Structure formats: C-alpha cells, structure tokens
Protein backbone atom coordinates (compact mmCIF):
# COMPACT_ATOMS: atom_id res chain seq x y z
CA UNK A 1 -31.20 -32.90 -27.28
CA UNK A 2 -29.31 -29.66 -26.57
CA UNK A 3 -31.56 -27.12 -24.84
CA UNK A 4 -29.34 -24.33 -23.52
CA UNK A 5 -25.65 -23.46 -23.66
CA UNK A 6 -24.81 -20.34 -21.72
CA UNK A 7 -22.91 -18.72 -18.84
CA UNK A 8 -23.76 -19.94 -15.31
CA UNK A 9 -25.09 -16.57 -14.10
CA UNK A 10 -27.52 -16.30 -17.01
CA UNK A 11 -29.35 -19.28 -15.49
CA UNK A 12 -28.61 -18.76 -11.82
CA UNK A 13 -29.89 -15.19 -11.46
CA UNK A 14 -33.48 -15.84 -12.66
CA UNK A 15 -33.53 -19.18 -10.85
CA UNK A 16 -32.65 -17.49 -7.55
CA UNK A 17 -35.46 -15.01 -8.13
CA UNK A 18 -38.14 -17.71 -8.22
CA UNK A 19 -36.87 -20.33 -5.73
CA UNK A 20 -37.64 -18.38 -2.53
CA UNK A 21 -41.17 -19.78 -2.30
CA UNK A 22 -40.18 -23.38 -3.07
CA UNK A 23 -40.21 -25.90 -0.22
CA UNK A 24 -38.03 -29.01 -0.54
CA UNK A 25 -40.68 -31.24 1.02
CA UNK A 26 -44.03 -30.95 -0.72
CA UNK A 27 -47.18 -33.06 -0.73
CA UNK A 28 -47.08 -32.71 -4.52
CA UNK A 29 -43.53 -33.48 -5.75
CA UNK A 30 -43.93 -31.20 -8.77
CA UNK A 31 -44.28 -28.16 -6.44
CA UNK A 32 -40.59 -28.60 -5.60
CA UNK A 33 -39.82 -28.01 -9.27
CA UNK A 34 -39.29 -24.98 -11.45
CA UNK A 35 -41.07 -24.75 -14.79
CA UNK A 36 -38.52 -23.76 -17.44
CA UNK A 37 -39.88 -22.74 -20.83
CA UNK A 38 -38.08 -21.42 -23.87
CA UNK A 39 -39.63 -19.74 -26.90
CA UNK A 40 -38.29 -17.61 -29.73
CA UNK A 41 -37.56 -14.62 -27.50
CA UNK A 42 -36.79 -15.72 -23.97
CA UNK A 43 -36.23 -18.42 -21.39
CA UNK A 44 -38.76 -18.15 -18.55
CA UNK A 45 -38.67 -19.60 -15.03
CA UNK A 46 -41.80 -20.16 -12.92
CA UNK A 47 -42.47 -21.60 -9.45
CA UNK A 48 -45.56 -21.88 -7.28
CA UNK A 49 -46.75 -23.22 -3.91
CA UNK A 50 -50.41 -23.01 -5.06
CA UNK A 51 -50.86 -19.76 -3.09
CA UNK A 52 -48.03 -17.68 -4.60
CA UNK A 53 -46.50 -17.80 -8.06
CA UNK A 54 -43.30 -16.11 -9.26
CA UNK A 55 -42.27 -15.79 -12.88
CA UNK A 56 -39.22 -14.18 -14.45
CA UNK A 57 -37.32 -14.49 -17.71
CA UNK A 58 -33.86 -14.23 -19.22
CA UNK A 59 -32.98 -13.29 -22.79
CA UNK A 60 -32.70 -16.35 -24.99
CA UNK A 61 -29.22 -17.30 -26.17
CA UNK A 62 -29.38 -16.94 -29.98
CA UNK A 63 -27.08 -19.94 -30.33
CA UNK A 64 -29.79 -22.30 -29.00
CA UNK A 65 -32.59 -23.04 -31.45
CA UNK A 66 -34.67 -25.50 -29.45
CA UNK A 67 -38.01 -24.46 -27.91
CA UNK A 68 -38.91 -26.56 -24.89
CA UNK A 69 -40.93 -26.82 -21.68
CA UNK A 70 -40.00 -28.96 -18.66
CA UNK A 71 -39.92 -29.00 -14.85
CA UNK A 72 -36.94 -29.94 -12.70
CA UNK A 73 -36.03 -29.65 -9.00
CA UNK A 74 -35.56 -25.93 -8.33
CA UNK A 75 -33.32 -26.25 -5.26
CA UNK A 76 -31.12 -28.97 -6.72
CA UNK A 77 -30.56 -27.05 -9.96
CA UNK A 78 -29.83 -23.91 -7.95
CA UNK A 79 -27.34 -25.72 -5.71
CA UNK A 80 -25.58 -27.21 -8.74
CA UNK A 81 -25.23 -23.82 -10.44
CA UNK A 82 -24.05 -22.20 -7.21
CA UNK A 83 -21.31 -24.82 -6.87
CA UNK A 84 -19.81 -23.77 -10.22
CA UNK A 85 -17.60 -20.74 -10.78
CA UNK A 86 -19.24 -17.57 -12.08
CA UNK A 87 -17.32 -17.83 -15.37
CA UNK A 88 -18.40 -21.42 -15.98
CA UNK A 89 -20.17 -22.32 -19.21
CA UNK A 90 -23.20 -24.53 -18.61
CA UNK A 91 -24.98 -26.86 -21.01
CA UNK A 92 -28.48 -28.20 -20.41
CA UNK A 93 -29.35 -31.32 -22.39
CA UNK A 94 -32.53 -33.39 -22.28
CA UNK A 95 -32.15 -37.16 -22.23
CA UNK A 96 -35.57 -38.86 -22.04
CA UNK A 97 -36.92 -38.09 -18.56
CA UNK A 98 -33.70 -36.52 -17.27
CA UNK A 99 -32.05 -33.12 -17.59
CA UNK A 100 -28.28 -33.27 -17.82
CA UNK A 101 -26.39 -30.26 -16.49
CA UNK A 102 -22.79 -30.18 -17.74
CA UNK A 103 -19.94 -27.80 -17.08
CA UNK A 104 -16.33 -28.66 -17.96
CA UNK A 105 -15.82 -32.16 -16.50
CA UNK A 106 -18.83 -32.02 -14.17
CA UNK A 107 -22.12 -33.68 -15.10
CA UNK A 108 -25.39 -33.95 -13.17
CA UNK A 109 -28.54 -35.82 -14.18
CA UNK A 110 -31.81 -34.53 -12.72
CA UNK A 111 -35.25 -36.08 -12.99
CA UNK A 112 -37.80 -34.26 -15.15
CA UNK A 113 -41.56 -34.13 -14.47
CA UNK A 114 -44.03 -33.26 -17.25
CA UNK A 115 -44.57 -29.52 -17.81
CA UNK A 116 -48.28 -30.07 -18.50
CA UNK A 117 -48.73 -31.31 -14.91
CA UNK A 118 -47.37 -28.08 -13.42
CA UNK A 119 -50.19 -26.25 -11.55
CA UNK A 120 -49.95 -22.64 -12.71
CA UNK A 121 -52.13 -19.93 -11.17
CA UNK A 122 -54.34 -18.78 -14.04
CA UNK A 123 -53.58 -15.22 -15.17
CA UNK A 124 -56.60 -12.92 -15.45
CA UNK A 125 -56.70 -10.75 -18.53
CA UNK A 126 -58.02 -7.55 -16.97
CA UNK A 127 -57.54 -6.24 -13.44
CA UNK A 128 -60.14 -4.38 -11.38
CA UNK A 129 -57.62 -1.78 -10.15
CA UNK A 130 -54.08 -0.87 -11.20
CA UNK A 131 -51.76 1.07 -8.91
CA UNK A 132 -48.27 2.21 -9.91
CA UNK A 133 -45.59 3.50 -7.54
CA UNK A 134 -41.82 3.43 -7.09
CA UNK A 135 -40.26 0.18 -5.93
CA UNK A 136 -38.32 1.85 -3.11
CA UNK A 137 -41.54 3.42 -1.78
CA UNK A 138 -43.39 0.11 -1.75
CA UNK A 139 -40.40 -1.71 -0.24
CA UNK A 140 -40.26 0.91 2.54
CA UNK A 141 -43.99 0.47 3.09
CA UNK A 142 -43.62 -3.30 3.59
CA UNK A 143 -40.46 -2.95 5.67
CA UNK A 144 -42.18 -0.74 8.24
CA UNK A 145 -45.03 -3.16 8.99
CA UNK A 146 -44.06 -6.73 8.05
CA UNK A 147 -42.48 -7.54 11.42
CA UNK A 148 -45.88 -7.06 13.11
CA UNK A 149 -47.65 -9.77 11.08
CA UNK A 150 -48.77 -12.77 13.13
CA UNK A 151 -47.19 -16.19 12.60
CA UNK A 152 -49.55 -19.17 12.37
CA UNK A 153 -52.29 -17.52 14.40
CA UNK A 154 -55.60 -19.38 14.55
CA UNK A 155 -57.15 -16.05 13.55
CA UNK A 156 -55.98 -16.67 9.99
CA UNK A 157 -56.68 -13.09 8.85
CA UNK A 158 -53.85 -11.90 11.14
CA UNK A 159 -51.33 -14.04 9.24
CA UNK A 160 -51.22 -11.44 6.50
CA UNK A 161 -50.83 -7.78 5.74
CA UNK A 162 -53.75 -5.45 5.11
CA UNK A 163 -53.16 -3.61 1.84
CA UNK A 164 -55.76 -0.88 1.53
CA UNK A 165 -56.38 1.66 -1.21
CA UNK A 166 -58.34 4.62 0.08
CA UNK A 167 -58.71 7.84 -1.92
CA UNK A 168 -55.13 8.80 -2.87
CA UNK A 169 -53.43 6.62 -0.26
CA UNK A 170 -51.98 3.12 -0.18
CA UNK A 171 -52.11 1.90 3.42
CA UNK A 172 -50.37 -1.13 4.91
CA UNK A 173 -51.25 -2.54 8.35
CA UNK A 174 -49.81 -5.54 10.19
CA UNK A 175 -50.89 -6.85 13.60
CA UNK A 176 -50.65 -9.97 15.75
CA UNK A 177 -53.28 -8.84 18.24
CA UNK A 178 -50.71 -7.48 20.74
CA UNK A 179 -49.08 -4.82 18.55
CA UNK A 180 -49.92 -3.02 15.34
CA UNK A 181 -47.89 -1.19 12.70
CA UNK A 182 -49.48 1.28 10.28
CA UNK A 183 -47.97 3.19 7.38
CA UNK A 184 -49.41 5.08 4.42
CA UNK A 185 -48.01 6.53 1.20
CA UNK A 186 -49.52 8.95 -1.31
CA UNK A 187 -50.61 7.76 -4.76
CA UNK A 188 -50.61 9.86 -7.91
CA UNK A 189 -54.32 9.36 -8.58
CA UNK A 190 -57.48 8.80 -6.56
CA UNK A 191 -58.50 5.15 -6.74
CA UNK A 192 -61.61 3.15 -5.92
CA UNK A 193 -61.45 1.75 -2.38
CA UNK A 194 -59.95 -1.74 -2.32
CA UNK A 195 -59.02 -3.86 0.69
CA UNK A 196 -57.10 -7.15 0.58
CA UNK A 197 -55.10 -9.26 3.03
CA UNK A 198 -51.80 -10.36 1.53
CA UNK A 199 -50.28 -13.59 2.97
CA UNK A 200 -47.19 -13.22 5.14
CA UNK A 201 -45.07 -15.34 2.80
CA UNK A 202 -45.87 -13.12 -0.17
CA UNK A 203 -45.02 -9.99 1.83
CA UNK A 204 -41.57 -11.24 2.82
CA UNK A 205 -40.85 -12.53 -0.69
CA UNK A 206 -41.74 -9.14 -2.16
CA UNK A 207 -39.48 -7.39 0.37
CA UNK A 208 -36.62 -9.61 -0.74
CA UNK A 209 -37.18 -9.15 -4.48
CA UNK A 210 -37.95 -5.41 -4.62
CA UNK A 211 -35.04 -3.08 -5.38
CA UNK A 212 -34.19 0.22 -3.69
CA UNK A 213 -34.48 2.03 -7.01
CA UNK A 214 -37.12 4.41 -8.33
CA UNK A 215 -38.12 1.87 -10.99
CA UNK A 216 -41.86 1.31 -11.00
CA UNK A 217 -43.97 -1.53 -9.68
CA UNK A 218 -47.48 -2.23 -10.97
CA UNK A 219 -49.97 -3.63 -8.46
CA UNK A 220 -53.06 -5.18 -10.04
CA UNK A 221 -56.08 -6.22 -8.00
CA UNK A 222 -58.25 -9.11 -9.16
CA UNK A 223 -61.23 -10.83 -7.58
CA UNK A 224 -59.23 -13.20 -5.35
CA UNK A 225 -55.57 -12.37 -6.02
CA UNK A 226 -53.06 -9.57 -6.48
CA UNK A 227 -50.35 -9.36 -9.12
CA UNK A 228 -47.10 -7.42 -8.68
CA UNK A 229 -45.06 -6.68 -11.83
CA UNK A 230 -41.58 -5.18 -11.52
CA UNK A 231 -38.04 -5.64 -12.87
CA UNK A 232 -38.98 -8.52 -15.24
CA UNK A 233 -40.63 -10.30 -12.30
CA UNK A 234 -44.32 -11.15 -11.97
CA UNK A 235 -45.42 -12.26 -8.50
CA UNK A 236 -49.03 -13.38 -8.23
CA UNK A 237 -50.52 -14.09 -4.81
CA UNK A 238 -53.89 -15.34 -3.69
CA UNK A 239 -55.40 -13.25 -0.91
CA UNK A 240 -56.57 -14.30 2.55
CA UNK A 241 -60.34 -14.48 2.67
CA UNK A 242 -61.36 -12.77 5.88
CA UNK A 243 -62.15 -9.47 7.59
CA UNK A 244 -59.16 -7.56 8.96
CA UNK A 245 -59.67 -5.90 12.38
CA UNK A 246 -60.63 -2.21 12.43
CA UNK A 247 -57.18 -0.72 12.99
CA UNK A 248 -58.58 2.79 13.61
CA UNK A 249 -60.10 1.60 16.89
CA UNK A 250 -56.67 0.44 18.07
CA UNK A 251 -54.77 3.68 17.40
CA UNK A 252 -54.88 5.68 20.66
CA UNK A 253 -56.03 9.30 20.61
CA UNK A 254 -55.50 10.33 24.26
CA UNK A 255 -51.76 9.66 24.61
CA UNK A 256 -50.68 13.16 25.65
CA UNK A 257 -47.73 12.20 27.87
CA UNK A 258 -44.75 11.83 25.56
CA UNK A 259 -41.01 12.02 25.11
CA UNK A 260 -38.56 11.79 22.24
CA UNK A 261 -35.45 9.63 22.37
CA UNK A 262 -32.57 8.78 20.04
CA UNK A 263 -33.43 5.52 18.33
CA UNK A 264 -29.96 3.95 18.57
CA UNK A 265 -29.50 4.96 22.22
CA UNK A 266 -32.85 3.38 23.11
CA UNK A 267 -32.15 0.29 20.98
CA UNK A 268 -28.71 -0.33 22.52
CA UNK A 269 -30.02 0.09 26.05
CA UNK A 270 -32.84 -2.38 25.40
CA UNK A 271 -30.39 -4.85 23.82
CA UNK A 272 -28.19 -4.71 26.92
CA UNK A 273 -30.95 -5.26 29.47
CA UNK A 274 -32.52 -7.99 27.30
CA UNK A 275 -29.48 -10.16 28.07
CA UNK A 276 -31.06 -10.88 31.46
CA UNK A 277 -34.64 -11.27 30.23
CA UNK A 278 -36.33 -14.67 30.08
CA UNK A 279 -34.88 -15.74 26.73
CA UNK A 280 -36.91 -18.95 26.48
CA UNK A 281 -40.27 -17.21 26.86
CA UNK A 282 -42.31 -15.98 23.91
CA UNK A 283 -43.36 -12.80 25.72
CA UNK A 284 -40.26 -11.22 27.28
CA UNK A 285 -41.17 -8.33 29.53
CA UNK A 286 -39.38 -5.04 30.17
CA UNK A 287 -40.39 -2.30 32.62
CA UNK A 288 -40.19 1.32 31.56
CA UNK A 289 -40.31 3.75 34.49
CA UNK A 290 -40.71 7.29 33.20
CA UNK A 291 -40.00 10.11 35.64
CA UNK A 292 -39.05 13.75 35.21
CA UNK A 293 -36.25 13.86 32.60
CA UNK A 294 -35.40 10.20 33.27
CA UNK A 295 -36.20 6.83 31.67
CA UNK A 296 -35.38 3.74 33.71
CA UNK A 297 -35.36 0.41 31.84
CA UNK A 298 -35.58 -2.80 33.93
CA UNK A 299 -35.41 -6.49 33.03
CA UNK A 300 -35.64 -9.52 35.34
CA UNK A 301 -35.54 -13.27 34.75
CA UNK A 302 -36.63 -16.43 36.56
CA UNK A 303 -33.18 -16.81 38.16
CA UNK A 304 -33.77 -13.62 40.16
CA UNK A 305 -31.22 -11.75 38.04
CA UNK A 306 -31.89 -8.24 36.81
CA UNK A 307 -30.48 -5.49 34.58
CA UNK A 308 -31.09 -1.75 34.71
CA UNK A 309 -30.36 1.16 32.37
CA UNK A 310 -31.06 4.84 32.91
CA UNK A 311 -31.36 7.35 30.07
CA UNK A 312 -31.86 11.10 30.10
CA UNK A 313 -35.01 12.32 28.35
CA UNK A 314 -37.01 15.54 28.18
CA UNK A 315 -40.14 14.74 30.14
CA UNK A 316 -42.14 16.87 32.55
CA UNK A 317 -45.38 15.04 33.25
CA UNK A 318 -46.68 12.54 35.81
CA UNK A 319 -44.64 9.37 36.37
CA UNK A 320 -45.55 6.22 34.45
CA UNK A 321 -44.53 2.64 35.24
CA UNK A 322 -45.42 0.39 32.30
CA UNK A 323 -44.45 -3.13 31.24
CA UNK A 324 -44.06 -4.04 27.56
CA UNK A 325 -42.85 -6.94 25.44
CA UNK A 326 -39.20 -6.09 24.81
CA UNK A 327 -39.18 -8.05 21.53
CA UNK A 328 -41.87 -5.72 20.15
CA UNK A 329 -39.74 -2.67 20.95
CA UNK A 330 -36.58 -4.23 19.49
CA UNK A 331 -38.44 -5.18 16.29
CA UNK A 332 -39.51 -1.60 15.78
CA UNK A 333 -36.17 0.04 16.55
CA UNK A 334 -34.33 -2.43 14.31
CA UNK A 335 -36.65 -1.80 11.36
CA UNK A 336 -37.02 1.98 11.23
CA UNK A 337 -34.08 4.17 10.25
CA UNK A 338 -35.04 7.49 11.84
CA UNK A 339 -32.66 9.27 14.21
CA UNK A 340 -35.31 9.65 16.91
CA UNK A 341 -38.64 8.10 17.90
CA UNK A 342 -41.46 9.53 19.98
CA UNK A 343 -43.20 7.46 22.66
CA UNK A 344 -46.65 8.60 23.83
CA UNK A 345 -48.66 7.30 26.81
CA UNK A 346 -52.00 7.79 28.48
CA UNK A 347 -51.39 5.67 31.59
CA UNK A 348 -49.73 2.40 32.64
CA UNK A 349 -52.71 0.31 31.53
CA UNK A 350 -53.19 1.75 28.04
CA UNK A 351 -51.31 1.03 24.83
CA UNK A 352 -48.17 2.91 23.84
CA UNK A 353 -48.03 4.88 20.60
CA UNK A 354 -44.60 5.09 18.96
CA UNK A 355 -44.16 7.47 16.03
CA UNK A 356 -41.38 9.06 14.00
CA UNK A 357 -41.11 12.84 14.54
CA UNK A 358 -42.02 14.68 11.34
CA UNK A 359 -43.66 11.59 9.82
CA UNK A 360 -47.45 11.53 10.20
CA UNK A 361 -47.79 8.44 8.00
CA UNK A 362 -46.27 5.88 10.42
CA UNK A 363 -47.70 4.60 13.71
CA UNK A 364 -46.72 1.68 15.94
CA UNK A 365 -48.93 0.58 18.83
CA UNK A 366 -47.86 -1.80 21.61
CA UNK A 367 -50.22 -3.20 24.23
CA UNK A 368 -48.99 -3.29 27.87
CA UNK A 369 -48.35 -6.60 29.62
CA UNK A 370 -48.22 -7.81 33.20
CA UNK A 371 -44.89 -9.09 34.52
C-alpha cells in the first residue's frame, strides 16, 4: 500500500524536529518510535519520552490519497533519509507489519508497531494562562540561564528551570546549588502569578528548536504541564513537582567592591590558565587576586604546576583574594554576548555577583570555594 511519495527533505525536516527527545534504548520499545499520521490536510510526526512530547507537521503531498497512522523507529528512519541525497525522491510503502522506504535502487524495510499503542500526552482543551512573546526573546531567556541547571541532582527540583510569571515579567532561574543565573523579560500584559519548574531536557530541546526570528511563541500553562507552540511545532512538557529555592535570598545586596572587564579578554585569560587546572576534577578552582587596578588569575594542579595571568582593571578598593570554580566562570563568559561584564564582591567568603553593564534584568551568582 503506497503511503507517501515525496522529496527526501519533505520527510527529513519534520522528522529531525521531533527526534531530539528520542532515546535509542528504551524500556518501552515503542518510545523509540515516531508516530506518523496522515489525514486530508497534512502529515504529522510525533514523539514522546512520557515526560516531553513534540509534534510537527508537513503539508500533505496531493498525489498521495491514503490516510494512515503508524509508528516506526525514529532514529533509523532519520539515518536512512540522511544517507540519501537532498534531491532524492522517497517512497513509503506499507507491507503488513513493515514500512518499506525506497529511493532509486535503495530499499529498507523497517518494523512497524501499532499506532494505537503509542502513549501520547493528553492535550488539555483550555489553558490556565497564555503568554505570547517573540521567539528570539524566549530563546535568549533560556540561553542565559540553562547552563546553570543541575544535572541529576538528588534535589530533583534543581534539575529544571524555574519559569515564573510575575506581574508583567517572565522570569527564568537556573541553579545547581553552587551558582545561580537569573534573567527577566517584560511581557505585554500583566498576568496572574504562575510558577513552574521545567525539566532540563525540555529546556535544551526548546533552545535547539526555537528560531532567532521575531515570530511568536505561545506558552500555555496547565495544571501539571506546559505547552509551547511555535513555527508549526507543539512541544508539551510535564513539570517537575517540587518547590524551587527562594532565589531572592541568594542574590547578594552588599557587593559594593566591583570592577568591569572586557568579556573576551577575561574569557581568554581564564581559558589559558585552565590548561593547568585539575582537568579530571568536577570542581576546578581558580584564584582571583584583585588589587588596585590589577587582576591576577592563578591556577594550580596536583602535579605542582601553575599558570598565572595578569590583567589591567579599574579598581580602587581593598584587596580581595577569592577562589571560584573556573568552569562556572567559563560557562557564563561563553554564553553571554556582551562586550563587558561587571564583577561585584563583598569579601573573599561571600558570593560573587556578575552582571552585564546596562542590563538590570540579568544576574549571575557564584559561590566561593576553598582550594
């Protein structure tokens, strides 16, 4: 039974959109599959890992008349389509419990699992709150905080991003307990307060799928999930059930000793000294010694080797000798695109506040460490 006859990219583009959340090895084999459905208007593609679901669609080829619904291995189908040339014409044919993918003299037979067994996340009809903003604004929001989200922390609520609606602001906060990133953006309308924790995997998938355009994204809040609709894509994610830490208590208010520094100059100096840091350790330390108009950056390792960099800064306050995780500083400087950053201190034992001059909506806090 002929299902689809079309150009390779017509199938590959929507398939690539939905396969990011698919794992090859699953406890349920059907979770490795993509649900492909065709009706009178479109061909839709849907994947899920039971926590996140992504759906997109392509215009139906008018030459194909068959409506169908089936599931097939998402990664295998993607790999097959990728191996063909972009101009290749592809035919999908169903033969009992197999899907045959043909192009020129190439033929592949993939196993099909029943579409009715595919575990879709049920779509709610009406959302509690709807927020609309530009895709590039939301992508920027995620980009500035996602690197601070914890990975597999036993405090499960840290393995996600706080997405908070408060008055006319959408606030995003990520923390792993040792550092915290905060950013806010203005909304067009005042909204009812809403606070959810979005899983790390959903955050990174959104960052990958969002465009840098001013096209809109709709964010809909439901009782236990959030739905993001943009560019013919619908990403639905369950939320993490837990209480996010009070980030306001972490943001320092007494850091009056400060200096500004060129971001790239600081980044490159840290990258050079990090060569002699303890690469195998999770927490790699760096010493910052701040004196009058001078920043000294020091790294040592277990082999008694060390590296030192000195940079000129404008600073006229008491000296500070503080140790920080160099990875936390590199993460920040690699993920913001400002020309300069401002570092503010209270003393060697308090957290460091890093901000972007002229931008009151972004804050990055790093706790000191002992090395």
